[in-house]
Amino acid sequence: MLVGFEYQDGAWIERTPRMFRHLLRAQRRALFLTQYNWCAGEEERVMAKGCHQPLVKTFFDSIHQSFPKPLSPAASCQSFCPRSAALMHAFLRQDVHATHRLACSMLAAPSVLTAKRIYRLFAKENPGMVFDASGLFLQFVYEKICKRNPDKNVYIEYDEIIIEEAGERVLSVVPCVKRVDKNNPKCVEEEISRAWKRLAQNGTRAVYLVFPRNQLFTRHIEVRQPYEQCARVKLVPYIISHSVKER
């Protein structure tokens, strides 16, 4: 289950998980860009407002904006690197194959910021920016939880996010890229069953199963077991982008 964009067979194509394909193309792009920007370093983020144009153009525009102006102080401070210069020149010529070839020939990422951003897009078998959708959503939720809980120990353990307070596991958050329908609880039976097993195994007080929010899943749903008095399992709708409203 991939999300993002890549160059294949002479064309740039966009990848979207099946559960989001009913959305408008601009909305699908907004979901990807929001998650990407939360997970990327500050110097690698892009303008999330470019949802009405192809993802590749949004990333290319961001790279073009990072080119130092000839007379700016930033330009005068840059040390000359022949390989970085060649990579940037190929990119400016819009020569995908030459840019790809040069990036893949580099043993390490260049030091020049603009060349580094080009390298990150092109130094792979298929140029582009593609992620496993589950991994990207996991990292996105993790980054947001960390920001909201600066006083707690938050870390990723396999496919779940653990929140510790005073050395005790108080919450396990398990992000899942799956479309939930509140009227059809069987669609998440497997995830709920695994959640109860997690509670029994790791001693966490509660497990929150986090799914992307949709029009059929807008509120928390608590799952109860007659023999479990203290432990809790909740299904949680998570908003990725406030600009996305389903038709």
C-alpha atoms as a PDB file:
ATOM      1  CA  MET A   1       0.000   0.000   0.000  1.00  0.00           C
ATOM      2  CA  LEU A   2       1.986   2.953  -1.329  1.00  0.00           C
ATOM      3  CA  VAL A   3       1.420   6.700  -1.205  1.00  0.00           C
ATOM      4  CA  GLY A   4       3.256   9.520  -2.988  1.00  0.00           C
ATOM      5  CA  PHE A   5       4.572   9.889  -6.531  1.00  0.00           C
ATOM      6  CA  GLU A   6       7.244   8.311  -8.716  1.00  0.00           C
ATOM      7  CA  TYR A   7       8.648   8.220 -12.242  1.00  0.00           C
ATOM      8  CA  GLN A   8       7.804   5.061 -14.158  1.00  0.00           C
ATOM      9  CA  ASP A   9       7.854   4.209 -17.856  1.00  0.00           C
ATOM     10  CA  GLY A  10       8.565   7.794 -18.867  1.00  0.00           C
ATOM     11  CA  ALA A  11       5.816   9.451 -16.781  1.00  0.00           C
ATOM     12  CA  TRP A  12       5.226  10.771 -13.265  1.00  0.00           C
ATOM     13  CA  ILE A  13       2.436   8.867 -11.534  1.00  0.00           C
ATOM     14  CA  GLU A  14       0.758   9.349  -8.159  1.00  0.00           C
ATOM     15  CA  ARG A  15       0.154   6.535  -5.664  1.00  0.00           C
ATOM     16  CA  THR A  16      -2.901   6.509  -3.384  1.00  0.00           C
ATOM     17  CA  PRO A  17      -4.153   3.813  -0.980  1.00  0.00           C
ATOM     18  CA  ARG A  18      -7.457   2.299  -2.087  1.00  0.00           C
ATOM     19  CA  MET A  19      -9.336   3.690   0.922  1.00  0.00           C
ATOM     20  CA  PHE A  20      -8.700   7.276  -0.286  1.00  0.00           C
ATOM     21  CA  ARG A  21      -9.468   6.819  -3.983  1.00  0.00           C
ATOM     22  CA  HIS A  22     -13.052   8.062  -3.637  1.00  0.00           C
ATOM     23  CA  LEU A  23     -11.717  11.513  -2.696  1.00  0.00           C
ATOM     24  CA  LEU A  24     -11.015  14.280  -5.172  1.00  0.00           C
ATOM     25  CA  ARG A  25      -7.442  14.296  -6.462  1.00  0.00           C
ATOM     26  CA  ALA A  26      -6.672  17.571  -4.670  1.00  0.00           C
ATOM     27  CA  GLN A  27      -7.903  16.052  -1.404  1.00  0.00           C
ATOM     28  CA  ARG A  28      -5.726  12.971  -1.839  1.00  0.00           C
ATOM     29  CA  ARG A  29      -2.729  15.220  -2.428  1.00  0.00           C
ATOM     30  CA  ALA A  30      -3.576  17.252   0.670  1.00  0.00           C
ATOM     31  CA  LEU A  31      -3.551  14.079   2.791  1.00  0.00           C
ATOM     32  CA  PHE A  32      -0.116  13.097   1.500  1.00  0.00           C
ATOM     33  CA  LEU A  33       1.458  16.558   1.775  1.00  0.00           C
ATOM     34  CA  THR A  34       0.155  17.067   5.319  1.00  0.00           C
ATOM     35  CA  GLN A  35       1.673  13.798   6.495  1.00  0.00           C
ATOM     36  CA  TYR A  36       4.908  14.333   4.570  1.00  0.00           C
ATOM     37  CA  ASN A  37       5.491  17.807   6.011  1.00  0.00           C
ATOM     38  CA  TRP A  38       4.937  16.621   9.584  1.00  0.00           C
ATOM     39  CA  CYS A  39       7.526  13.869   9.122  1.00  0.00           C
ATOM     40  CA  ALA A  40      10.107  15.703   6.979  1.00  0.00           C
ATOM     41  CA  GLY A  41      12.907  17.862   8.302  1.00  0.00           C
ATOM     42  CA  GLU A  42      12.368  21.607   8.147  1.00  0.00           C
ATOM     43  CA  GLU A  43      14.620  22.097   5.111  1.00  0.00           C
ATOM     44  CA  GLU A  44      12.795  19.365   3.138  1.00  0.00           C
ATOM     45  CA  ARG A  45       9.185  20.493   3.600  1.00  0.00           C
ATOM     46  CA  VAL A  46       7.090  21.700   0.685  1.00  0.00           C
ATOM     47  CA  MET A  47       4.180  24.080   0.227  1.00  0.00           C
ATOM     48  CA  ALA A  48       1.059  22.099   1.157  1.00  0.00           C
ATOM     49  CA  LYS A  49      -1.103  24.649  -0.683  1.00  0.00           C
ATOM     50  CA  GLY A  50      -0.146  23.117  -4.019  1.00  0.00           C
ATOM     51  CA  CYS A  51      -2.890  20.470  -3.907  1.00  0.00           C
ATOM     52  CA  HIS A  52      -4.420  21.464  -7.241  1.00  0.00           C
ATOM     53  CA  GLN A  53      -1.258  20.642  -9.181  1.00  0.00           C
ATOM     54  CA  PRO A  54       0.629  17.338  -9.535  1.00  0.00           C
ATOM     55  CA  LEU A  55       2.693  16.340  -6.505  1.00  0.00           C
ATOM     56  CA  VAL A  56       5.864  16.274  -8.596  1.00  0.00           C
ATOM     57  CA  LYS A  57       5.343  19.926  -9.563  1.00  0.00           C
ATOM     58  CA  THR A  58       4.850  20.903  -5.910  1.00  0.00           C
ATOM     59  CA  PHE A  59       8.162  19.269  -4.987  1.00  0.00           C
ATOM     60  CA  PHE A  60       9.958  20.672  -8.040  1.00  0.00           C
ATOM     61  CA  ASP A  61       8.662  24.177  -7.272  1.00  0.00           C
ATOM     62  CA  SER A  62      10.001  23.856  -3.746  1.00  0.00           C
ATOM     63  CA  ILE A  63      13.418  22.837  -5.067  1.00  0.00           C
ATOM     64  CA  HIS A  64      13.472  25.761  -7.525  1.00  0.00           C
ATOM     65  CA  GLN A  65      12.738  28.135  -4.642  1.00  0.00           C
ATOM     66  CA  SER A  66      15.748  26.779  -2.752  1.00  0.00           C
ATOM     67  CA  PHE A  67      18.200  27.785  -5.509  1.00  0.00           C
ATOM     68  CA  PRO A  68      20.183  30.742  -4.141  1.00  0.00           C
ATOM     69  CA  LYS A  69      19.866  33.938  -6.155  1.00  0.00           C
ATOM     70  CA  PRO A  70      23.130  34.850  -7.952  1.00  0.00           C
ATOM     71  CA  LEU A  71      23.713  38.044  -5.948  1.00  0.00           C
ATOM     72  CA  SER A  72      22.336  36.898  -2.586  1.00  0.00           C
ATOM     73  CA  PRO A  73      24.589  36.391   0.489  1.00  0.00           C
ATOM     74  CA  ALA A  74      23.559  32.714   0.461  1.00  0.00           C
ATOM     75  CA  ALA A  75      25.040  32.294  -3.008  1.00  0.00           C
ATOM     76  CA  SER A  76      28.349  33.933  -2.111  1.00  0.00           C
ATOM     77  CA  CYS A  77      28.766  31.673   0.944  1.00  0.00           C
ATOM     78  CA  GLN A  78      28.344  28.408  -0.958  1.00  0.00           C
ATOM     79  CA  SER A  79      31.499  26.436  -1.687  1.00  0.00           C
ATOM     80  CA  PHE A  80      31.689  25.090  -5.226  1.00  0.00           C
ATOM     81  CA  CYS A  81      31.025  21.378  -5.613  1.00  0.00           C
ATOM     82  CA  PRO A  82      31.309  20.111  -9.218  1.00  0.00           C
ATOM     83  CA  ARG A  83      29.005  17.103  -8.720  1.00  0.00           C
ATOM     84  CA  SER A  84      26.354  19.190  -6.956  1.00  0.00           C
ATOM     85  CA  ALA A  85      26.583  21.795  -9.706  1.00  0.00           C
ATOM     86  CA  ALA A  86      26.179  19.112 -12.399  1.00  0.00           C
ATOM     87  CA  LEU A  87      23.168  17.644 -10.580  1.00  0.00           C
ATOM     88  CA  MET A  88      21.476  21.033 -10.243  1.00  0.00           C
ATOM     89  CA  HIS A  89      22.215  21.869 -13.875  1.00  0.00           C
ATOM     90  CA  ALA A  90      20.628  18.603 -15.083  1.00  0.00           C
ATOM     91  CA  PHE A  91      17.590  19.310 -12.903  1.00  0.00           C
ATOM     92  CA  LEU A  92      17.226  22.834 -14.325  1.00  0.00           C
ATOM     93  CA  ARG A  93      17.381  21.378 -17.845  1.00  0.00           C
ATOM     94  CA  GLN A  94      14.440  19.134 -16.852  1.00  0.00           C
ATOM     95  CA  ASP A  95      16.459  16.125 -17.933  1.00  0.00           C
ATOM     96  CA  VAL A  96      15.007  13.384 -15.732  1.00  0.00           C
ATOM     97  CA  HIS A  97      17.332  10.654 -16.985  1.00  0.00           C
ATOM     98  CA  ALA A  98      20.523  12.690 -16.565  1.00  0.00           C
ATOM     99  CA  THR A  99      19.455  13.876 -13.107  1.00  0.00           C
ATOM    100  CA  HIS A 100      18.607  10.311 -12.113  1.00  0.00           C
ATOM    101  CA  ARG A 101      21.927   8.976 -13.433  1.00  0.00           C
ATOM    102  CA  LEU A 102      23.988  11.638 -11.639  1.00  0.00           C
ATOM    103  CA  ALA A 103      22.126  11.223  -8.332  1.00  0.00           C
ATOM    104  CA  CYS A 104      22.519   7.445  -8.369  1.00  0.00           C
ATOM    105  CA  SER A 105      26.254   7.767  -9.093  1.00  0.00           C
ATOM    106  CA  MET A 106      26.851   9.781  -5.905  1.00  0.00           C
ATOM    107  CA  LEU A 107      28.216   7.816  -2.942  1.00  0.00           C
ATOM    108  CA  ALA A 108      26.571  10.154  -0.426  1.00  0.00           C
ATOM    109  CA  ALA A 109      24.157  13.046  -0.297  1.00  0.00           C
ATOM    110  CA  PRO A 110      25.750  16.345  -1.402  1.00  0.00           C
ATOM    111  CA  SER A 111      26.310  19.122   1.119  1.00  0.00           C
ATOM    112  CA  VAL A 112      24.638  21.878  -0.920  1.00  0.00           C
ATOM    113  CA  LEU A 113      21.009  22.123   0.232  1.00  0.00           C
ATOM    114  CA  THR A 114      19.427  22.372  -3.232  1.00  0.00           C
ATOM    115  CA  ALA A 115      21.491  19.470  -4.575  1.00  0.00           C
ATOM    116  CA  LYS A 116      20.637  17.452  -1.463  1.00  0.00           C
ATOM    117  CA  ARG A 117      16.922  17.902  -2.111  1.00  0.00           C
ATOM    118  CA  ILE A 118      17.338  16.838  -5.757  1.00  0.00           C
ATOM    119  CA  TYR A 119      19.422  13.854  -4.628  1.00  0.00           C
ATOM    120  CA  ARG A 120      16.702  12.745  -2.213  1.00  0.00           C
ATOM    121  CA  LEU A 121      14.163  12.703  -5.046  1.00  0.00           C
ATOM    122  CA  PHE A 122      16.331  11.046  -7.692  1.00  0.00           C
ATOM    123  CA  ALA A 123      18.854   8.745  -5.959  1.00  0.00           C
ATOM    124  CA  LYS A 124      16.681   5.624  -6.102  1.00  0.00           C
ATOM    125  CA  GLU A 125      15.510   3.039  -8.606  1.00  0.00           C
ATOM    126  CA  ASN A 126      12.386   5.057  -9.431  1.00  0.00           C
ATOM    127  CA  PRO A 127      12.742   8.822  -8.855  1.00  0.00           C
ATOM    128  CA  GLY A 128      10.055  10.347  -6.676  1.00  0.00           C
ATOM    129  CA  MET A 129       8.794  10.367  -3.096  1.00  0.00           C
ATOM    130  CA  VAL A 130       6.947   7.158  -2.220  1.00  0.00           C
ATOM    131  CA  PHE A 131       6.228   5.756   1.221  1.00  0.00           C
ATOM    132  CA  ASP A 132       4.520   2.747   2.692  1.00  0.00           C
ATOM    133  CA  ALA A 133       1.167   4.306   3.674  1.00  0.00           C
ATOM    134  CA  SER A 134       1.063   2.541   7.053  1.00  0.00           C
ATOM    135  CA  GLY A 135       4.598   3.628   7.927  1.00  0.00           C
ATOM    136  CA  LEU A 136       3.937   7.252   6.955  1.00  0.00           C
ATOM    137  CA  PHE A 137       0.706   7.358   8.981  1.00  0.00           C
ATOM    138  CA  LEU A 138       2.504   5.818  11.971  1.00  0.00           C
ATOM    139  CA  GLN A 139       5.237   8.467  11.816  1.00  0.00           C
ATOM    140  CA  PHE A 140       2.670  11.246  11.327  1.00  0.00           C
ATOM    141  CA  VAL A 141       0.672  10.228  14.418  1.00  0.00           C
ATOM    142  CA  TYR A 142       3.912   9.801  16.385  1.00  0.00           C
ATOM    143  CA  GLU A 143       5.142  13.309  15.543  1.00  0.00           C
ATOM    144  CA  LYS A 144       1.817  14.847  16.611  1.00  0.00           C
ATOM    145  CA  ILE A 145       1.708  12.874  19.876  1.00  0.00           C
ATOM    146  CA  CYS A 146       5.278  13.915  20.701  1.00  0.00           C
ATOM    147  CA  LYS A 147       4.400  17.568  20.197  1.00  0.00           C
ATOM    148  CA  ARG A 148       1.319  17.300  22.411  1.00  0.00           C
ATOM    149  CA  ASN A 149       3.072  15.365  25.190  1.00  0.00           C
ATOM    150  CA  PRO A 150       6.474  16.998  25.761  1.00  0.00           C
ATOM    151  CA  ASP A 151       6.464  15.874  29.407  1.00  0.00           C
ATOM    152  CA  LYS A 152       6.069  12.165  28.604  1.00  0.00           C
ATOM    153  CA  ASN A 153       8.299   9.506  27.103  1.00  0.00           C
ATOM    154  CA  VAL A 154       6.929   8.693  23.647  1.00  0.00           C
ATOM    155  CA  TYR A 155       8.526   6.108  21.391  1.00  0.00           C
ATOM    156  CA  ILE A 156       7.719   3.678  18.570  1.00  0.00           C
ATOM    157  CA  GLU A 157       7.838  -0.048  19.259  1.00  0.00           C
ATOM    158  CA  TYR A 158       7.263  -2.074  16.098  1.00  0.00           C
ATOM    159  CA  ASP A 159       3.849  -0.910  14.796  1.00  0.00           C
ATOM    160  CA  GLU A 160       2.640   0.949  17.891  1.00  0.00           C
ATOM    161  CA  ILE A 161       3.373   4.183  19.705  1.00  0.00           C
ATOM    162  CA  ILE A 162       3.996   3.813  23.424  1.00  0.00           C
ATOM    163  CA  ILE A 163       3.356   6.655  25.868  1.00  0.00           C
ATOM    164  CA  GLU A 164       5.067   6.318  29.242  1.00  0.00           C
ATOM    165  CA  GLU A 165       4.616   8.447  32.341  1.00  0.00           C
ATOM    166  CA  ALA A 166       6.771   7.985  35.447  1.00  0.00           C
ATOM    167  CA  GLY A 167       8.129   4.760  33.970  1.00  0.00           C
ATOM    168  CA  GLU A 168       4.668   3.236  33.424  1.00  0.00           C
ATOM    169  CA  ARG A 169       3.070   2.468  30.078  1.00  0.00           C
ATOM    170  CA  VAL A 170      -0.134   4.462  30.159  1.00  0.00           C
ATOM    171  CA  LEU A 171      -1.203   4.183  26.524  1.00  0.00           C
ATOM    172  CA  SER A 172      -0.487   2.244  23.357  1.00  0.00           C
ATOM    173  CA  VAL A 173      -1.524   3.966  20.115  1.00  0.00           C
ATOM    174  CA  VAL A 174      -1.782   1.759  17.039  1.00  0.00           C
ATOM    175  CA  PRO A 175      -2.255   3.673  13.746  1.00  0.00           C
ATOM    176  CA  CYS A 176      -4.060   1.681  11.033  1.00  0.00           C
ATOM    177  CA  VAL A 177      -4.637   2.769   7.437  1.00  0.00           C
ATOM    178  CA  LYS A 178      -8.095   1.303   7.030  1.00  0.00           C
ATOM    179  CA  ARG A 179     -11.543   2.678   6.270  1.00  0.00           C
ATOM    180  CA  VAL A 180     -13.819   2.198   9.292  1.00  0.00           C
ATOM    181  CA  ASP A 181     -17.600   2.041   9.104  1.00  0.00           C
ATOM    182  CA  LYS A 182     -19.323   2.516  12.497  1.00  0.00           C
ATOM    183  CA  ASN A 183     -22.285   0.521  11.154  1.00  0.00           C
ATOM    184  CA  ASN A 184     -20.132  -2.487  10.336  1.00  0.00           C
ATOM    185  CA  PRO A 185     -18.018  -3.364  13.401  1.00  0.00           C
ATOM    186  CA  LYS A 186     -16.793  -6.587  11.789  1.00  0.00           C
ATOM    187  CA  CYS A 187     -14.528  -4.559   9.497  1.00  0.00           C
ATOM    188  CA  VAL A 188     -12.120  -4.040  12.428  1.00  0.00           C
ATOM    189  CA  GLU A 189     -12.602  -7.306  14.331  1.00  0.00           C
ATOM    190  CA  GLU A 190      -9.036  -8.400  13.633  1.00  0.00           C
ATOM    191  CA  GLU A 191      -7.547  -5.110  14.882  1.00  0.00           C
ATOM    192  CA  ILE A 192      -9.684  -5.208  18.040  1.00  0.00           C
ATOM    193  CA  SER A 193      -8.682  -8.795  18.780  1.00  0.00           C
ATOM    194  CA  ARG A 194      -4.997  -7.866  18.488  1.00  0.00           C
ATOM    195  CA  ALA A 195      -5.564  -4.860  20.755  1.00  0.00           C
ATOM    196  CA  TRP A 196      -6.848  -7.054  23.617  1.00  0.00           C
ATOM    197  CA  LYS A 197      -3.822  -9.313  23.169  1.00  0.00           C
ATOM    198  CA  ARG A 198      -1.530  -6.275  23.399  1.00  0.00           C
ATOM    199  CA  LEU A 199      -3.170  -5.284  26.690  1.00  0.00           C
ATOM    200  CA  ALA A 200      -2.642  -8.751  28.111  1.00  0.00           C
ATOM    201  CA  GLN A 201       0.987  -8.921  26.990  1.00  0.00           C
ATOM    202  CA  ASN A 202       2.490  -5.508  27.689  1.00  0.00           C
ATOM    203  CA  GLY A 203       0.576  -4.237  30.707  1.00  0.00           C
ATOM    204  CA  THR A 204      -0.567  -1.003  29.092  1.00  0.00           C
ATOM    205  CA  ARG A 205      -3.643   0.628  30.617  1.00  0.00           C
ATOM    206  CA  ALA A 206      -5.295   1.276  27.268  1.00  0.00           C
ATOM    207  CA  VAL A 207      -4.925   0.712  23.531  1.00  0.00           C
ATOM    208  CA  TYR A 208      -6.179   3.286  21.054  1.00  0.00           C
ATOM    209  CA  LEU A 209      -6.652   2.041  17.502  1.00  0.00           C
ATOM    210  CA  VAL A 210      -6.256   5.124  15.332  1.00  0.00           C
ATOM    211  CA  PHE A 211      -7.788   5.225  11.843  1.00  0.00           C
ATOM    212  CA  PRO A 212      -8.073   8.056   9.299  1.00  0.00           C
ATOM    213  CA  ARG A 213     -11.335   9.872   9.891  1.00  0.00           C
ATOM    214  CA  ASN A 214     -14.125   9.508   7.350  1.00  0.00           C
ATOM    215  CA  GLN A 215     -17.804  10.456   7.120  1.00  0.00           C
ATOM    216  CA  LEU A 216     -18.871   7.076   8.551  1.00  0.00           C
ATOM    217  CA  PHE A 217     -16.431   7.288  11.452  1.00  0.00           C
ATOM    218  CA  THR A 218     -16.339  10.656  13.222  1.00  0.00           C
ATOM    219  CA  ARG A 219     -16.396   9.802  16.942  1.00  0.00           C
ATOM    220  CA  HIS A 220     -14.457   7.634  19.371  1.00  0.00           C
ATOM    221  CA  ILE A 221     -15.900   4.161  19.884  1.00  0.00           C
ATOM    222  CA  GLU A 222     -15.065   2.374  23.120  1.00  0.00           C
ATOM    223  CA  VAL A 223     -14.897  -1.416  22.953  1.00  0.00           C
ATOM    224  CA  ARG A 224     -15.889  -3.185  26.155  1.00  0.00           C
ATOM    225  CA  GLN A 225     -15.267  -6.692  27.447  1.00  0.00           C
ATOM    226  CA  PRO A 226     -17.312  -8.080  30.379  1.00  0.00           C
ATOM    227  CA  TYR A 227     -14.227  -9.583  32.019  1.00  0.00           C
ATOM    228  CA  GLU A 228     -12.061  -6.461  31.600  1.00  0.00           C
ATOM    229  CA  GLN A 229     -12.883  -3.824  34.199  1.00  0.00           C
ATOM    230  CA  CYS A 230      -9.864  -1.519  33.952  1.00  0.00           C
ATOM    231  CA  ALA A 231      -8.295  -2.051  30.533  1.00  0.00           C
ATOM    232  CA  ARG A 232      -9.704  -0.055  27.605  1.00  0.00           C
ATOM    233  CA  VAL A 233      -9.705  -0.346  23.851  1.00  0.00           C
ATOM    234  CA  LYS A 234     -10.875   2.614  21.770  1.00  0.00           C
ATOM    235  CA  LEU A 235     -11.330   3.192  18.072  1.00  0.00           C
ATOM    236  CA  VAL A 236     -10.224   6.745  17.334  1.00  0.00           C
ATOM    237  CA  PRO A 237     -10.943   8.748  14.146  1.00  0.00           C
ATOM    238  CA  TYR A 238      -7.843  10.809  13.334  1.00  0.00           C
ATOM    239  CA  ILE A 239      -7.958  13.950  11.224  1.00  0.00           C
ATOM    240  CA  ILE A 240      -5.033  14.113   8.816  1.00  0.00           C
ATOM    241  CA  SER A 241      -5.999  17.318   7.031  1.00  0.00           C
ATOM    242  CA  HIS A 242      -8.767  19.732   8.009  1.00  0.00           C
ATOM    243  CA  SER A 243      -9.064  20.795   4.365  1.00  0.00           C
ATOM    244  CA  VAL A 244     -10.324  17.343   3.333  1.00  0.00           C
ATOM    245  CA  LYS A 245     -14.092  16.916   3.446  1.00  0.00           C
ATOM    246  CA  GLU A 246     -15.609  13.927   1.761  1.00  0.00           C
ATOM    247  CA  ARG A 247     -18.232  14.308  -0.897  1.00  0.00           C
END
